[in-house]
Amino acid sequence: MTLDSEEPGEGGEVTLRSWASYRPVAVCNAADLEGPALPGLVEARKTAEGVEPKPEPQRLGAAEAVLDAWPVPVSFGGDRACYLPGIDRIQMPDRASFHSAAAFCATWAHEQIHSTGLESRLKRDLGGVFGKAHYAREELVRRQSV
């Protein structure tokens, strides 16, 4: 919340002061809750969003279809996920390397967001190295997009 106040100054001038006030708020995922309130929360979400939540396999299938349609080629294999801007390619470990299908999709999406920075796309500087501020900034671009 932003707060403002006017303070009288010398010679009849008014000084405007503004500051932000923060209040911590507990946030949790309804899927992590147990007990009698859970069905009511789920129904409230359905009503608020006007949609019926789809089962996870259906959601993940749709996510993979979107990921697979991205024009940047993907190679599977190896032990790390990364975007290679020099050859405009995403490298992903095999699906079996992930603890869940959701983790696989999230990692793939994370690397796709990197690929949006290529010069012919959004032209972000992708030249940073791990541990440096420039690399960290690119990681934040991806986190905010997810």
Protein backbone atom coordinates (compact mmCIF):
# COMPACT_ATOMS: atom_id res chain seq x y z
CA MET A 1 0.00 0.00 0.00
CA THR A 2 1.33 3.47 -0.85
CA LEU A 3 0.77 6.25 1.66
CA ASP A 4 1.08 10.01 1.11
CA SER A 5 1.17 12.97 3.45
CA GLU A 6 1.52 16.69 2.97
CA GLU A 7 3.74 18.59 5.36
CA PRO A 8 3.80 22.37 5.60
CA GLY A 9 7.20 23.82 4.81
CA GLU A 10 8.84 27.21 4.97
CA GLY A 11 7.19 30.11 3.15
CA GLY A 12 3.88 28.30 2.72
CA GLU A 13 5.34 25.53 0.56
CA VAL A 14 3.88 22.07 0.94
CA THR A 15 6.10 18.99 0.84
CA LEU A 16 4.54 15.74 -0.30
CA ARG A 17 5.96 12.60 1.32
CA SER A 18 5.17 9.16 -0.06
CA TRP A 19 6.14 5.76 1.32
CA ALA A 20 5.17 2.15 0.92
CA SER A 21 3.76 0.07 3.72
CA TYR A 22 3.99 -3.71 3.53
CA ARG A 23 2.06 -6.29 5.47
CA PRO A 24 3.01 -9.97 5.30
CA VAL A 25 0.24 -12.21 4.04
CA ALA A 26 0.25 -15.99 4.29
CA VAL A 27 -0.31 -17.63 0.91
CA CYS A 28 -0.73 -21.33 0.27
CA ASN A 29 -1.90 -23.65 -2.44
CA ALA A 30 -5.37 -25.09 -1.81
CA ALA A 31 -4.06 -28.47 -2.97
CA ASP A 32 -1.77 -28.51 0.09
CA LEU A 33 -4.69 -28.19 2.51
CA GLU A 34 -6.50 -30.99 4.26
CA GLY A 35 -9.69 -31.11 6.25
CA PRO A 36 -13.34 -30.18 5.95
CA ALA A 37 -12.71 -26.69 4.48
CA LEU A 38 -10.95 -28.02 1.37
CA PRO A 39 -14.05 -28.94 -0.72
CA GLY A 40 -15.48 -25.47 -0.08
CA LEU A 41 -12.26 -23.80 -1.23
CA VAL A 42 -12.16 -25.87 -4.39
CA GLU A 43 -15.80 -25.01 -5.17
CA ALA A 44 -15.12 -21.31 -4.50
CA ARG A 45 -12.22 -21.42 -6.97
CA LYS A 46 -14.36 -23.06 -9.63
CA THR A 47 -17.06 -20.43 -9.16
CA ALA A 48 -14.59 -17.52 -9.16
CA GLU A 49 -12.76 -18.69 -12.27
CA GLY A 50 -15.81 -19.99 -14.06
CA VAL A 51 -13.97 -23.12 -15.15
CA GLU A 52 -13.66 -26.68 -14.04
CA PRO A 53 -10.04 -27.58 -13.16
CA LYS A 54 -8.71 -30.24 -15.52
CA PRO A 55 -6.97 -33.37 -14.25
CA GLU A 56 -3.19 -33.11 -14.06
CA PRO A 57 -2.49 -35.53 -16.95
CA GLN A 58 -4.70 -33.42 -19.22
CA ARG A 59 -3.04 -30.15 -18.08
CA LEU A 60 0.45 -31.57 -18.58
CA GLY A 61 -0.47 -32.94 -22.00
CA ALA A 62 -1.67 -29.51 -23.05
CA ALA A 63 1.49 -27.93 -21.63
CA GLU A 64 3.70 -30.33 -23.59
CA ALA A 65 1.78 -29.58 -26.79
CA VAL A 66 2.47 -25.86 -26.32
CA LEU A 67 6.13 -26.49 -25.45
CA ASP A 68 6.57 -28.77 -28.46
CA ALA A 69 5.13 -26.11 -30.79
CA TRP A 70 7.85 -23.56 -29.90
CA PRO A 71 10.09 -23.05 -32.95
CA VAL A 72 13.40 -23.55 -31.10
CA PRO A 73 14.66 -27.13 -31.59
CA VAL A 74 15.14 -29.30 -28.50
CA SER A 75 17.71 -32.04 -27.98
CA PHE A 76 17.09 -34.62 -25.26
CA GLY A 77 19.88 -36.37 -23.37
CA GLY A 78 22.73 -35.47 -21.11
CA ASP A 79 22.58 -34.34 -17.51
CA ARG A 80 21.65 -30.66 -17.66
CA ALA A 81 19.04 -28.36 -19.09
CA CYS A 82 20.17 -25.20 -20.83
CA TYR A 83 19.51 -22.87 -23.72
CA LEU A 84 22.38 -22.56 -26.21
CA PRO A 85 22.03 -19.16 -27.91
CA GLY A 86 24.97 -19.73 -30.26
CA ILE A 87 23.04 -22.46 -32.08
CA ASP A 88 19.54 -21.45 -30.91
CA ARG A 89 18.81 -24.83 -29.35
CA ILE A 90 17.41 -26.05 -26.02
CA GLN A 91 19.19 -28.98 -24.37
CA MET A 92 17.07 -31.07 -21.99
CA PRO A 93 17.90 -34.20 -19.97
CA ASP A 94 15.74 -37.24 -20.76
CA ARG A 95 12.26 -37.23 -19.23
CA ALA A 96 13.25 -40.05 -16.86
CA SER A 97 15.75 -37.71 -15.18
CA PHE A 98 12.90 -35.68 -13.64
CA HIS A 99 10.96 -36.62 -10.52
CA SER A 100 7.65 -35.72 -12.17
CA ALA A 101 6.09 -34.75 -15.48
CA ALA A 102 5.35 -31.31 -13.99
CA ALA A 103 9.06 -30.78 -13.18
CA PHE A 104 9.95 -31.80 -16.74
CA CYS A 105 7.49 -29.28 -18.22
CA ALA A 106 8.55 -26.51 -15.84
CA THR A 107 12.22 -26.97 -16.75
CA TRP A 108 11.45 -27.04 -20.46
CA ALA A 109 9.38 -23.85 -20.14
CA HIS A 110 12.19 -22.24 -18.14
CA GLU A 111 14.66 -22.88 -20.97
CA GLN A 112 12.15 -21.67 -23.58
CA ILE A 113 11.89 -18.36 -21.75
CA HIS A 114 15.68 -18.04 -22.09
CA SER A 115 15.31 -18.54 -25.84
CA THR A 116 13.07 -15.46 -26.10
CA GLY A 117 16.16 -13.33 -25.41
CA LEU A 118 17.90 -14.20 -28.70
CA GLU A 119 18.86 -11.17 -30.81
CA SER A 120 16.21 -11.98 -33.45
CA ARG A 121 13.52 -12.15 -30.74
CA LEU A 122 13.64 -9.83 -27.70
CA LYS A 123 17.37 -9.07 -27.93
CA ARG A 124 18.38 -9.55 -24.29
CA ASP A 125 22.09 -9.93 -23.63
CA LEU A 126 22.48 -13.65 -22.91
CA GLY A 127 26.26 -13.49 -22.43
CA GLY A 128 26.38 -13.62 -18.62
CA VAL A 129 28.19 -16.37 -16.71
CA PHE A 130 26.98 -18.23 -13.64
CA GLY A 131 27.66 -16.35 -10.41
CA LYS A 132 27.70 -12.90 -12.00
CA ALA A 133 25.02 -10.20 -11.74
CA HIS A 134 24.20 -10.31 -15.45
CA TYR A 135 23.45 -14.04 -15.31
CA ALA A 136 21.32 -13.53 -12.20
CA ARG A 137 19.31 -10.84 -13.97
CA GLU A 138 18.48 -13.24 -16.82
CA GLU A 139 17.40 -15.85 -14.27
CA LEU A 140 15.03 -13.27 -12.76
CA VAL A 141 13.52 -12.57 -16.19
CA ARG A 142 12.62 -16.24 -16.39
CA ARG A 143 11.28 -16.43 -12.82
CA GLN A 144 8.93 -13.50 -13.38
CA SER A 145 7.61 -15.05 -16.56
CA VAL A 146 6.60 -18.32 -15.01
